[in-house]
Structures are given as C-alpha cells and as structure tokens.
C-alpha cells in the first residue's frame, strides 16, 4: 500500500511567459498522497498560472509535470481529468436548473438500456461513489436550491465520481459562513483520510494553519519555499509572501484620543444585527472581524443609513442622531467605503473629478439656491484630494472605469475626504488590489486616524485587522462575541474566536 509520503504530482522547473511579463520562473511544486498542501501568494504572484498549467488551460514554456513519477503531457483539461486531477474554482460550476444528481454526473451521464439519460440511474450511482460526501439534500432537487456548502459537496462528489485523486480548491471559504467553513474542513479531513491529495489555494493565513500539512509560497513568479505548517508561524509565512517582516507591513499609528466620536447602543436589525453596542474614539482604528454571515457588513450599512435599523441608538459627539438615509449619514460626516466599490462606490462612466466631488455637490453650486454646478469649483475642490491620495491617472478628467482597482479605491477615499467625513467605515478596503496599492491604502488609513478621524475597519484578511486596528471587535451571528485591546488582539486569539477553537 502507498504511504502518505508518496508523491503523486510533481511540477518541475515550470517557466511561463506572457507578453512583457514572466508569470512563472523555474517553479517546482509537489503534492503527496493523503495531504493538504496550501499554495499561497499575493494577487499576481503566479499561483493561479501554475494551477492553470497543471489543469491544461495554459501550456508551460519550459518544465514538466509528473504524475506518479511519470512525465505527462497535459494539453487541455480532458488530459488532466483523465490523469485523476480535479479543479474546483471559487465560482462553482453548478447548473442551477439541473438536479443535484445531474450536476454530479455533468458531462458523463449514464444511459438506460434504451440509450436515454436516466435520472433514476444517476441517483443510484451517487450512492455507490466511493467515499462520497453526504450532501444533506434530495438528489432530485435543482442544484440552485442548495446552500453554498451543499453546492461545494456536490462539486466534490463530481470529482470523486470521476475517480479524481488530486483535488485543487481555489479560495473555497470566500462565501461560506462560520458553520459552513467547519463543515467544509470536516469534508476535507475525510478526503485526506481516504488518501486523496488536496491542493488548497488561499490567502487566508488562519485557514492555512488550521487545515494544511504543508505550504508552498510563490512570490513575484518564483517559488520562495515549501515547509511543514507545524514549523511555521504567521509572521514567518507573511515574510515569505511579502519579502518583509510582519511588523514592517503595517505602518505604526498614534494612540486614539479620549474623545468619543460615535457611540452605538443596542443597534439591531432582524436576525442579522442583534443589540450591538460599542464606542468609536477620535483617531481610533476599530477592527471588525467575523466570518461571512457574522453581521459585519450589515452593521456598517445600518450605521451609514443604507439599511434601516429596527431599534437602537447612535450618538455622534454625544448628540443622538437618526441616520435613516445615506444623505443624512453624509450630513453627519459618516462615510462608507463599500465592499463592492464598482457597484456601490463609484459612477464608472464619470471622470475622476466628478466622482471625487459626488458627496460634496451642495458646496459646489454656482448659485446657492439653484442646482447648477460650477465646473471650475469642482476641479478646484477635487485637485487637492487627487494629489493627497496619490491617484495614478492621466488627470482629473480620466474616466474611473479605466483605473486599476487600487486607484478606484483611492478615488472613493478622496470622495469622502472631500466631503470632510469624520467617521470612515472601510469594508474590505484591499480586496482585489495588488500588494503595492495595499500598502498605500494602509498608509492612508493610518494617516487619517492620526488626524483624528474615527475608522471602522472590516476585512476578511485577519492580518489587516490585527495589524492596523487599535481594538478589535469579533462578531458572530449578528452580535459582538469579544472586544480585544491591541495587546490581546493577536492573530491566533482572533482566529480561535472566529473558528471556535
């Protein structure tokens, strides 16, 4: 019998060039039977390119891939599938109107004796898939009616039905709740116990330390190293990923002032936000940590007036306010940098100047009583914030649709600085932006705090929350589970609270 140390997949000396860019430079990677191997790296590091080459979606310029020690030619996805490889992407390949059973056998339907596709035969065959996961739903149901974790199990069962031995999972927990994360990890442990090899692609360090046996880091198209997870810590792993010490990643910030900028008392909305109370001080960066469904974003939207509250009170500088619209939030100097910046934070057909001044139109009127804008005032108002946030664009007249994600985020921030906001809520401020832009956003956040702005920081990247925040509130099921000061809010403590360890 093969042992868990048996190498089942090996990539050697992989080189891949795109026009003007080397995406992979002499990268080696191997996977063993019965292990979870985490593949980590910043956006653009090259990990997705490596996975696509192994899947047969890209062709390497140099290097080779070996399965069970034998060199293999993988020219398209059908080759990788025939070799026992399966790839489960973040956007699940589910056909919602087809049944669960039909989704499991998608593309390889069994036929009855009349040569017709047989749903009954599919349902029977699902029960005979070796080591299949229990989905917890009627196999005749349309897959679109399943929860996300049930859809994940459906796709995993599809891989098992194809006798896949090596399963790649790309950011599997990005849309899962706390309970669903635990359920997925239990399923991964089951697969591992049956000898399956799992490649776990993620940027969430807390998950790597919880689920993986080994971790490989790719940075700037090169493999930095591979190590056993039990020999690593978060600081060392981030140093490998970013090329600098963890303490050097986040800029230092001044301690918050004694002045309470905002106080929230017993804020609630249905089952998503339940009796939440906290204080935000001038110059404080207050972190909100929680898994999907914990209520973080919902709380932010209530404070900003995007959603109505069912009850509770909000005080700004000691005065009770009733923020039921975003317009009122802006009047009260409260701002939200939303998670979906292109949908909720920007007007893409407009230029940089128009987006920066969007929340400040009242003071840009040509005449006080008429809704006519002064274009000259608009340009003069936008220019200093365009410069202070270091937006990289051809000028104020460039359309924001053509800016990078990091520069679009800076435009949103410039908009709220122009509006003179005193309380800024950041919801996933660095999602989908490159590492250089991340550091620029970190600098801007700490600079704002040093000027007395109150910051609420929501992020799925716990290192961001722990690295930037003066204080961390851990949310679960709509409520505050714990409040941690800066000396208590280390990565392990926050992770343990989130995952119930």
Protein backbone atom coordinates (compact mmCIF):
# COMPACT_ATOMS: atom_id res chain seq x y z
CA UNK A 1 0.00 0.00 0.00
CA UNK A 2 1.29 3.52 -0.77
CA UNK A 3 2.08 5.72 2.21
CA UNK A 4 1.08 9.29 2.86
CA UNK A 5 4.62 10.39 1.88
CA UNK A 6 4.21 9.13 -1.68
CA UNK A 7 4.46 11.96 -4.21
CA UNK A 8 1.53 11.79 -6.63
CA UNK A 9 2.06 15.04 -8.55
CA UNK A 10 5.21 16.99 -9.27
CA UNK A 11 5.81 20.12 -11.34
CA UNK A 12 9.47 20.73 -12.19
CA UNK A 13 11.12 23.89 -13.48
CA UNK A 14 7.93 25.48 -14.78
CA UNK A 15 8.50 28.64 -16.81
CA UNK A 16 5.65 30.66 -18.30
CA UNK A 17 5.96 33.99 -20.11
CA UNK A 18 3.20 36.36 -21.17
CA UNK A 19 3.90 39.41 -23.37
CA UNK A 20 6.18 41.66 -21.35
CA UNK A 21 5.94 39.57 -18.19
CA UNK A 22 7.36 36.38 -16.72
CA UNK A 23 4.49 34.75 -14.83
CA UNK A 24 6.44 31.72 -13.53
CA UNK A 25 10.19 31.40 -13.25
CA UNK A 26 11.62 27.90 -12.63
CA UNK A 27 8.83 26.92 -10.21
CA UNK A 28 8.84 23.48 -8.54
CA UNK A 29 5.80 22.10 -6.72
CA UNK A 30 4.82 18.65 -5.45
CA UNK A 31 1.82 17.05 -3.78
CA UNK A 32 1.72 13.91 -1.66
CA UNK A 33 -0.94 11.30 -1.19
CA UNK A 34 -3.21 11.98 1.79
CA UNK A 35 -2.05 15.55 2.45
CA UNK A 36 -3.49 19.05 2.26
CA UNK A 37 -0.91 21.27 0.56
CA UNK A 38 -1.62 25.01 0.74
CA UNK A 39 -0.49 27.17 -2.18
CA UNK A 40 -0.27 30.81 -1.14
CA UNK A 41 0.89 34.12 -2.54
CA UNK A 42 -0.31 37.66 -3.18
CA UNK A 43 -2.52 38.53 -6.16
CA UNK A 44 -0.38 38.29 -9.28
CA UNK A 45 2.30 36.17 -7.61
CA UNK A 46 1.79 33.33 -10.11
CA UNK A 47 -0.11 30.68 -8.18
CA UNK A 48 -3.17 30.80 -10.45
CA UNK A 49 -0.94 30.50 -13.52
CA UNK A 50 0.67 27.37 -12.04
CA UNK A 51 -2.72 25.80 -11.34
CA UNK A 52 -3.93 26.60 -14.88
CA UNK A 53 -0.85 24.94 -16.37
CA UNK A 54 -1.43 21.80 -14.32
CA UNK A 55 -5.11 21.88 -15.38
CA UNK A 56 -4.17 22.12 -19.07
CA UNK A 57 -5.63 25.60 -19.56
CA UNK A 58 -2.17 27.08 -20.21
CA UNK A 59 0.91 25.48 -21.70
CA UNK A 60 4.24 25.91 -19.93
CA UNK A 61 7.13 27.32 -22.00
CA UNK A 62 9.54 25.07 -20.12
CA UNK A 63 9.34 22.39 -17.44
CA UNK A 64 7.44 19.17 -16.94
CA UNK A 65 4.61 17.69 -14.91
CA UNK A 66 4.86 14.20 -13.45
CA UNK A 67 2.03 12.03 -12.16
CA UNK A 68 3.14 9.07 -10.01
CA UNK A 69 6.71 9.77 -11.16
CA UNK A 70 5.94 9.65 -14.89
CA UNK A 71 6.19 12.69 -17.13
CA UNK A 72 2.80 13.60 -18.63
CA UNK A 73 1.69 15.87 -21.44
CA UNK A 74 -1.32 17.93 -20.36
CA UNK A 75 -2.55 19.93 -23.33
CA UNK A 76 -6.17 20.50 -22.29
CA UNK A 77 -8.49 19.90 -19.29
CA UNK A 78 -9.55 16.48 -20.57
CA UNK A 79 -5.93 15.31 -20.17
CA UNK A 80 -5.78 16.43 -16.53
CA UNK A 81 -9.16 14.86 -15.82
CA UNK A 82 -8.01 11.53 -17.30
CA UNK A 83 -4.96 11.67 -15.00
CA UNK A 84 -7.16 11.95 -11.90
CA UNK A 85 -6.96 15.71 -11.34
CA UNK A 86 -9.98 17.84 -10.42
CA UNK A 87 -10.21 21.63 -10.11
CA UNK A 88 -12.88 23.35 -8.02
CA UNK A 89 -12.89 27.09 -8.59
CA UNK A 90 -14.20 29.89 -6.40
CA UNK A 91 -17.09 30.40 -8.83
CA UNK A 92 -18.68 26.98 -8.55
CA UNK A 93 -19.51 25.26 -11.83
CA UNK A 94 -23.13 24.48 -10.90
CA UNK A 95 -26.01 24.32 -13.39
CA UNK A 96 -28.81 25.60 -11.11
CA UNK A 97 -31.81 24.24 -13.01
CA UNK A 98 -30.42 20.70 -13.21
CA UNK A 99 -30.85 18.25 -10.33
CA UNK A 100 -28.13 17.54 -7.77
CA UNK A 101 -27.55 14.10 -9.32
CA UNK A 102 -27.30 15.58 -12.83
CA UNK A 103 -24.73 18.11 -11.60
CA UNK A 104 -22.62 15.32 -10.09
CA UNK A 105 -22.51 13.45 -13.42
CA UNK A 106 -22.38 16.59 -15.58
CA UNK A 107 -20.87 15.69 -18.95
CA UNK A 108 -20.81 11.95 -18.25
CA UNK A 109 -24.45 10.97 -17.88
CA UNK A 110 -25.26 7.26 -17.50
CA UNK A 111 -27.75 5.85 -20.00
CA UNK A 112 -30.52 3.30 -19.53
CA UNK A 113 -30.99 0.29 -21.81
CA UNK A 114 -32.83 2.47 -24.35
CA UNK A 115 -29.84 4.80 -24.66
CA UNK A 116 -31.57 7.62 -22.79
CA UNK A 117 -30.24 9.63 -19.87
CA UNK A 118 -31.62 8.11 -16.68
CA UNK A 119 -32.04 10.30 -13.58
CA UNK A 120 -33.00 7.25 -11.53
CA UNK A 121 -29.77 5.53 -12.52
CA UNK A 122 -27.79 8.64 -11.60
CA UNK A 123 -29.36 8.77 -8.13
CA UNK A 124 -28.50 5.11 -7.63
CA UNK A 125 -24.91 5.64 -8.84
CA UNK A 126 -24.34 8.57 -6.47
CA UNK A 127 -24.90 6.21 -3.55
CA UNK A 128 -22.15 3.97 -4.92
CA UNK A 129 -19.46 6.64 -5.37
CA UNK A 130 -16.51 5.58 -3.19
CA UNK A 131 -16.03 7.91 -0.19
CA UNK A 132 -18.80 10.24 -1.39
CA UNK A 133 -19.78 13.14 0.86
CA UNK A 134 -23.26 13.33 2.31
CA UNK A 135 -24.87 16.39 0.74
CA UNK A 136 -27.87 16.54 3.03
CA UNK A 137 -30.41 17.20 0.28
CA UNK A 138 -32.72 15.27 -2.05
CA UNK A 139 -30.69 14.35 -5.14
CA UNK A 140 -33.73 15.14 -7.34
CA UNK A 141 -33.75 18.81 -6.21
CA UNK A 142 -32.45 21.51 -8.57
CA UNK A 143 -28.90 22.37 -7.52
CA UNK A 144 -29.77 26.06 -7.43
CA UNK A 145 -31.87 25.39 -4.32
CA UNK A 146 -28.85 24.14 -2.36
CA UNK A 147 -26.81 26.14 0.14
CA UNK A 148 -23.27 27.11 -0.88
CA UNK A 149 -21.72 24.35 1.25
CA UNK A 150 -24.10 21.79 -0.31
CA UNK A 151 -23.02 23.01 -3.74
CA UNK A 152 -19.40 22.57 -2.71
CA UNK A 153 -20.12 19.00 -1.65
CA UNK A 154 -21.90 18.40 -4.95
CA UNK A 155 -18.84 19.51 -6.90
CA UNK A 156 -16.52 17.43 -4.69
CA UNK A 157 -18.72 14.40 -5.33
CA UNK A 158 -18.44 15.14 -9.06
CA UNK A 159 -14.66 14.88 -8.68
CA UNK A 160 -15.00 11.62 -6.74
CA UNK A 161 -17.35 10.20 -9.39
CA UNK A 162 -14.55 10.80 -11.93
CA UNK A 163 -12.08 8.91 -9.69
CA UNK A 164 -10.06 12.07 -9.06
CA UNK A 165 -7.12 11.54 -6.72
CA UNK A 166 -5.77 15.11 -6.61
CA UNK A 167 -8.28 17.89 -5.95
CA UNK A 168 -7.45 21.60 -6.28
CA UNK A 169 -9.65 24.00 -4.28
CA UNK A 170 -9.45 27.74 -5.06
CA UNK A 171 -10.45 30.10 -2.21
CA UNK A 172 -13.15 27.66 -1.04
CA UNK A 173 -14.33 29.62 2.03
CA UNK A 174 -14.80 33.06 0.44
CA UNK A 175 -18.61 32.84 0.58
CA UNK A 176 -19.12 30.42 3.49
CA UNK A 177 -20.49 31.11 6.95
CA UNK A 178 -18.73 30.04 10.17
CA UNK A 179 -20.65 26.76 10.38
CA UNK A 180 -20.14 26.04 6.68
CA UNK A 181 -16.37 26.60 6.99
CA UNK A 182 -16.23 23.97 9.73
CA UNK A 183 -18.34 21.63 7.60
CA UNK A 184 -16.04 22.06 4.60
CA UNK A 185 -12.95 21.44 6.73
CA UNK A 186 -14.56 18.26 8.05
CA UNK A 187 -15.14 17.15 4.44
CA UNK A 188 -11.52 17.93 3.53
CA UNK A 189 -10.31 15.89 6.51
CA UNK A 190 -12.48 12.99 5.26
CA UNK A 191 -10.97 13.22 1.77
CA UNK A 192 -7.49 13.32 3.24
CA UNK A 193 -8.19 10.19 5.33
CA UNK A 194 -9.11 8.29 2.17
CA UNK A 195 -5.76 9.12 0.57
CA UNK A 196 -6.87 11.99 -1.65
CA UNK A 197 -4.36 14.81 -2.16
CA UNK A 198 -5.78 18.31 -1.70
CA UNK A 199 -4.18 21.49 -3.06
CA UNK A 200 -5.68 24.37 -1.09
CA UNK A 201 -5.25 27.78 -2.76
CA UNK A 202 -5.94 30.61 -0.33
CA UNK A 203 -4.76 33.96 1.02
CA UNK A 204 -6.29 33.40 4.47
CA UNK A 205 -3.46 32.51 6.80
CA UNK A 206 -5.71 31.33 9.62
CA UNK A 207 -7.11 28.65 7.33
CA UNK A 208 -3.68 27.52 6.16
CA UNK A 209 -2.61 26.89 9.76
CA UNK A 210 -5.82 25.06 10.55
CA UNK A 211 -6.19 22.77 7.54
CA UNK A 212 -2.84 22.33 5.75
CA UNK A 213 0.02 19.90 6.28
CA UNK A 214 2.49 21.74 4.06
CA UNK A 215 2.56 25.17 2.46
CA UNK A 216 4.30 26.47 -0.67
CA UNK A 217 4.79 30.21 -1.13
CA UNK A 218 5.07 31.86 -4.55
CA UNK A 219 6.22 35.48 -4.77
CA UNK A 220 6.93 37.50 -7.90
CA UNK A 221 6.68 34.44 -10.17
CA UNK A 222 9.15 32.39 -8.13
CA UNK A 223 8.83 29.70 -5.51
CA UNK A 224 10.07 31.12 -2.22
CA UNK A 225 9.90 27.82 -0.37
CA UNK A 226 7.91 24.84 0.90
CA UNK A 227 7.62 23.99 4.61
CA UNK A 228 5.66 21.86 7.05
CA UNK A 229 2.94 24.06 8.55
CA UNK A 230 3.78 22.93 12.10
CA UNK A 231 7.23 24.54 11.71
CA UNK A 232 5.77 27.91 10.63
CA UNK A 233 4.10 30.90 12.25
CA UNK A 234 2.10 33.72 10.71
CA UNK A 235 4.99 36.20 10.88
CA UNK A 236 7.38 33.87 9.09
CA UNK A 237 4.80 32.96 6.45
CA UNK A 238 3.99 36.60 5.71
CA UNK A 239 7.68 37.38 5.49
CA UNK A 240 7.95 34.67 2.80
CA UNK A 241 4.89 36.02 0.97
CA UNK A 242 5.78 39.71 1.05
CA UNK A 243 9.54 39.75 1.47
CA UNK A 244 9.44 41.75 4.69
CA UNK A 245 8.79 41.24 8.40
CA UNK A 246 5.17 41.27 9.58
CA UNK A 247 5.91 44.27 11.83
CA UNK A 248 7.08 46.18 8.74
CA UNK A 249 3.93 45.52 6.70
CA UNK A 250 1.62 47.85 8.61
CA UNK A 251 2.53 51.46 9.37
CA UNK A 252 2.53 52.49 13.02
CA UNK A 253 -0.27 54.73 14.22
CA UNK A 254 -0.72 57.16 17.09
CA UNK A 255 -2.87 56.04 20.04
CA UNK A 256 -6.52 57.16 19.85
CA UNK A 257 -7.71 60.23 21.71
CA UNK A 258 -10.05 60.18 24.73
CA UNK A 259 -12.86 61.87 22.75
CA UNK A 260 -15.78 59.58 21.84
CA UNK A 261 -16.69 60.33 18.22
CA UNK A 262 -19.53 57.85 17.93
CA UNK A 263 -21.42 55.58 20.29
CA UNK A 264 -23.74 52.81 19.18
CA UNK A 265 -26.24 51.43 21.71
CA UNK A 266 -28.23 48.22 21.19
CA UNK A 267 -28.38 48.55 17.41
CA UNK A 268 -30.44 45.79 15.82
CA UNK A 269 -31.97 44.68 12.54
CA UNK A 270 -33.83 41.36 12.37
CA UNK A 271 -31.53 38.39 12.82
CA UNK A 272 -28.51 39.97 11.10
CA UNK A 273 -27.59 42.57 13.76
CA UNK A 274 -28.51 41.90 17.38
CA UNK A 275 -28.12 44.50 20.14
CA UNK A 276 -24.70 45.74 19.08
CA UNK A 277 -23.10 48.38 21.30
CA UNK A 278 -19.65 49.99 21.07
CA UNK A 279 -17.78 53.29 21.17
CA UNK A 280 -15.50 54.73 18.50
CA UNK A 281 -12.88 57.22 19.60
CA UNK A 282 -11.28 60.05 17.64
CA UNK A 283 -8.15 58.77 15.95
CA UNK A 284 -9.07 55.12 16.59
CA UNK A 285 -8.93 52.30 14.07
CA UNK A 286 -11.59 49.87 15.29
CA UNK A 287 -11.40 46.47 13.60
CA UNK A 288 -14.47 44.31 12.94
CA UNK A 289 -13.57 40.63 12.48
CA UNK A 290 -16.07 37.95 11.54
CA UNK A 291 -16.85 35.26 9.02
CA UNK A 292 -19.46 35.53 6.25
CA UNK A 293 -22.87 35.96 7.88
CA UNK A 294 -21.50 37.40 11.12
CA UNK A 295 -23.21 40.76 10.51
CA UNK A 296 -20.16 42.95 9.83
CA UNK A 297 -21.31 44.47 6.54
CA UNK A 298 -24.93 44.68 7.70
CA UNK A 299 -23.83 46.68 10.76
CA UNK A 300 -21.83 49.05 8.54
CA UNK A 301 -24.80 49.59 6.22
CA UNK A 302 -27.11 50.44 9.14
CA UNK A 303 -24.65 52.99 10.55
CA UNK A 304 -24.32 54.56 7.09
CA UNK A 305 -28.10 54.69 6.58
CA UNK A 306 -28.10 52.28 3.62
CA UNK A 307 -30.37 49.91 5.60
CA UNK A 308 -32.98 50.81 8.21
CA UNK A 309 -32.49 49.70 11.79
CA UNK A 310 -35.22 48.02 13.85
CA UNK A 311 -34.01 49.63 17.04
CA UNK A 312 -31.11 51.10 18.94
CA UNK A 313 -29.45 54.49 19.16
CA UNK A 314 -26.48 56.22 17.53
CA UNK A 315 -24.71 59.19 19.11
CA UNK A 316 -22.15 61.36 17.31
CA UNK A 317 -20.02 63.53 19.59
CA UNK A 318 -22.56 63.00 22.38
CA UNK A 319 -25.60 64.02 20.32
CA UNK A 320 -28.22 61.43 19.33
CA UNK A 321 -28.72 61.26 15.56
CA UNK A 322 -31.26 59.44 13.44
CA UNK A 323 -29.46 58.24 10.30
CA UNK A 324 -32.07 56.61 8.08
CA UNK A 325 -30.64 57.63 4.71
CA UNK A 326 -27.18 57.86 3.22
CA UNK A 327 -27.83 61.55 2.63
CA UNK A 328 -28.26 62.03 6.38
CA UNK A 329 -25.11 59.98 7.04
CA UNK A 330 -23.12 62.31 4.75
CA UNK A 331 -24.61 65.32 6.56
CA UNK A 332 -23.43 63.81 9.85
CA UNK A 333 -19.92 63.31 8.36
CA UNK A 334 -20.22 59.50 8.27
CA UNK A 335 -18.84 57.70 5.19
CA UNK A 336 -18.69 54.14 3.86
CA UNK A 337 -16.04 52.73 1.53
CA UNK A 338 -18.10 49.72 0.36
CA UNK A 339 -17.06 46.15 -0.33
CA UNK A 340 -18.39 46.31 -3.91
CA UNK A 341 -16.62 49.50 -4.94
CA UNK A 342 -17.50 49.40 -8.65
CA UNK A 343 -21.20 48.81 -7.94
CA UNK A 344 -21.76 50.85 -4.77
CA UNK A 345 -18.90 53.34 -4.51
CA UNK A 346 -18.31 54.77 -7.97
CA UNK A 347 -20.13 56.07 -11.03
CA UNK A 348 -17.98 54.35 -13.64
CA UNK A 349 -18.90 56.45 -16.72
CA UNK A 350 -17.97 59.65 -14.82
CA UNK A 351 -14.45 61.02 -14.58
CA UNK A 352 -12.20 61.18 -11.51
CA UNK A 353 -13.16 64.77 -10.71
CA UNK A 354 -16.89 64.08 -10.78
CA UNK A 355 -16.53 61.02 -8.55
CA UNK A 356 -14.39 62.86 -6.00
CA UNK A 357 -16.94 65.66 -5.63
CA UNK A 358 -20.01 63.41 -5.74
CA UNK A 359 -20.72 63.67 -1.98
CA UNK A 360 -19.95 67.41 -1.83
CA UNK A 361 -22.19 68.86 -4.51
CA UNK A 362 -24.01 71.23 -2.16
CA UNK A 363 -20.91 73.38 -1.69
CA UNK A 364 -20.12 73.39 -5.41
CA UNK A 365 -23.27 75.15 -6.60
CA UNK A 366 -22.77 78.16 -8.84
CA UNK A 367 -25.65 79.88 -7.06
CA UNK A 368 -26.74 78.86 -3.56
CA UNK A 369 -30.44 78.39 -4.38
CA UNK A 370 -30.12 76.80 -7.81
CA UNK A 371 -28.97 73.22 -8.56
CA UNK A 372 -26.33 74.34 -11.06
CA UNK A 373 -22.76 73.16 -10.56
CA UNK A 374 -19.70 75.30 -11.01
CA UNK A 375 -17.25 73.20 -13.05
CA UNK A 376 -14.36 75.42 -12.05
CA UNK A 377 -15.19 74.95 -8.36
CA UNK A 378 -15.49 71.21 -8.97
CA UNK A 379 -11.97 70.99 -10.36
CA UNK A 380 -10.52 73.18 -7.60
CA UNK A 381 -12.27 71.08 -4.92
CA UNK A 382 -11.11 67.74 -6.36
CA UNK A 383 -7.46 68.63 -7.08
CA UNK A 384 -6.03 68.59 -3.51
CA UNK A 385 -7.62 65.19 -2.74
CA UNK A 386 -6.50 63.80 -6.10
CA UNK A 387 -2.96 64.72 -5.06
CA UNK A 388 -3.12 63.73 -1.36
CA UNK A 389 -4.37 60.21 -2.14
CA UNK A 390 -1.78 59.81 -4.94
CA UNK A 391 -4.29 58.59 -7.53
CA UNK A 392 -2.44 57.35 -10.60
CA UNK A 393 -4.45 58.66 -13.55
CA UNK A 394 -3.83 60.83 -16.60
CA UNK A 395 -5.68 63.60 -14.82
CA UNK A 396 -8.95 64.63 -13.21
CA UNK A 397 -10.82 64.09 -16.48
CA UNK A 398 -9.96 60.37 -16.85
CA UNK A 399 -12.93 58.03 -16.51
CA UNK A 400 -12.71 55.94 -13.33
CA UNK A 401 -13.79 52.83 -15.26
CA UNK A 402 -10.30 52.70 -16.76
CA UNK A 403 -8.39 52.92 -13.46
CA UNK A 404 -6.88 49.96 -11.61
CA UNK A 405 -8.71 48.56 -8.58
CA UNK A 406 -6.31 50.25 -6.16
CA UNK A 407 -6.74 53.64 -7.81
CA UNK A 408 -10.51 53.25 -7.91
CA UNK A 409 -10.37 52.64 -4.16
CA UNK A 410 -8.33 55.83 -3.75
CA UNK A 411 -10.96 57.78 -5.71
CA UNK A 412 -13.65 56.62 -3.25
CA UNK A 413 -11.45 57.65 -0.35
CA UNK A 414 -10.79 61.04 -1.97
CA UNK A 415 -14.55 61.48 -2.33
CA UNK A 416 -15.07 61.11 1.41
CA UNK A 417 -12.11 63.30 2.27
CA UNK A 418 -13.61 65.98 0.05
CA UNK A 419 -16.89 65.64 1.99
CA UNK A 420 -14.96 66.23 5.26
CA UNK A 421 -16.12 62.93 6.79
CA UNK A 422 -15.10 62.43 10.44
CA UNK A 423 -16.13 58.75 10.66
CA UNK A 424 -14.96 56.40 7.90
CA UNK A 425 -16.11 52.79 7.55
CA UNK A 426 -13.87 50.63 5.34
CA UNK A 427 -15.47 47.37 4.17
CA UNK A 428 -12.81 45.08 2.61
CA UNK A 429 -10.60 48.04 1.62
CA UNK A 430 -7.88 45.99 -0.12
CA UNK A 431 -9.89 43.21 -1.73
CA UNK A 432 -8.82 42.61 -5.33
CA UNK A 433 -5.99 45.14 -5.39
CA UNK A 434 -2.28 44.50 -5.79
CA UNK A 435 0.18 44.43 -2.93
CA UNK A 436 1.70 47.85 -3.71
CA UNK A 437 -1.72 49.51 -3.63
CA UNK A 438 -2.46 47.72 -0.35
CA UNK A 439 0.44 49.45 1.38
CA UNK A 440 -0.73 52.80 0.02
CA UNK A 441 -4.22 52.20 1.45
CA UNK A 442 -2.71 51.20 4.81
CA UNK A 443 -0.73 54.44 4.88
CA UNK A 444 -3.83 56.50 4.08
CA UNK A 445 -5.86 54.77 6.81
CA UNK A 446 -3.24 55.41 9.49
CA UNK A 447 -2.73 59.00 8.33
CA UNK A 448 -6.46 59.67 8.63
CA UNK A 449 -6.51 58.19 12.13
CA UNK A 450 -3.55 60.35 13.17
CA UNK A 451 -5.60 63.40 12.07
CA UNK A 452 -8.44 62.44 14.43
CA UNK A 453 -10.72 60.57 12.01
CA UNK A 454 -12.53 57.59 13.51
CA UNK A 455 -12.03 54.45 11.40
CA UNK A 456 -14.09 51.25 11.40
CA UNK A 457 -12.14 48.59 9.50
CA UNK A 458 -13.86 45.44 8.18
CA UNK A 459 -11.66 42.86 6.49
CA UNK A 460 -11.61 39.13 5.83
CA UNK A 461 -7.81 39.36 5.97
CA UNK A 462 -7.25 38.99 9.71
CA UNK A 463 -3.67 40.19 9.46
CA UNK A 464 -5.03 43.52 8.20
CA UNK A 465 -7.40 43.80 11.13
CA UNK A 466 -4.79 42.76 13.71
CA UNK A 467 -2.01 44.76 12.07
CA UNK A 468 -3.90 48.06 11.74
CA UNK A 469 -6.52 48.19 14.50
CA UNK A 470 -6.14 49.68 17.96
CA UNK A 471 -9.02 47.49 19.11
CA UNK A 472 -10.83 44.51 17.56
CA UNK A 473 -14.49 43.54 17.90
CA UNK A 474 -15.16 39.91 16.96
CA UNK A 475 -18.65 39.41 15.51
CA UNK A 476 -20.64 36.20 15.32
CA UNK A 477 -24.30 35.64 14.39
CA UNK A 478 -25.06 39.35 14.42
CA UNK A 479 -23.61 40.14 17.84
CA UNK A 480 -20.32 41.12 19.45
CA UNK A 481 -18.62 37.96 20.69
CA UNK A 482 -15.50 39.64 22.10
CA UNK A 483 -13.75 43.00 22.38
CA UNK A 484 -9.96 42.85 22.31
CA UNK A 485 -7.44 45.59 23.02
CA UNK A 486 -4.29 45.93 20.94
CA UNK A 487 -2.25 43.79 23.35
CA UNK A 488 -4.84 40.98 23.24
CA UNK A 489 -5.69 41.05 19.51
CA UNK A 490 -3.05 38.76 18.07
CA UNK A 491 -3.75 36.61 15.02
CA UNK A 492 -4.10 33.34 16.95
CA UNK A 493 -6.55 34.76 19.52
CA UNK A 494 -8.80 36.31 16.85
CA UNK A 495 -8.64 33.14 14.72
CA UNK A 496 -9.54 30.94 17.68
CA UNK A 497 -12.53 33.15 18.48
CA UNK A 498 -13.74 33.11 14.86
CA UNK A 499 -13.35 29.37 14.34
CA UNK A 500 -14.42 28.32 17.81
CA UNK A 501 -11.09 26.65 18.56
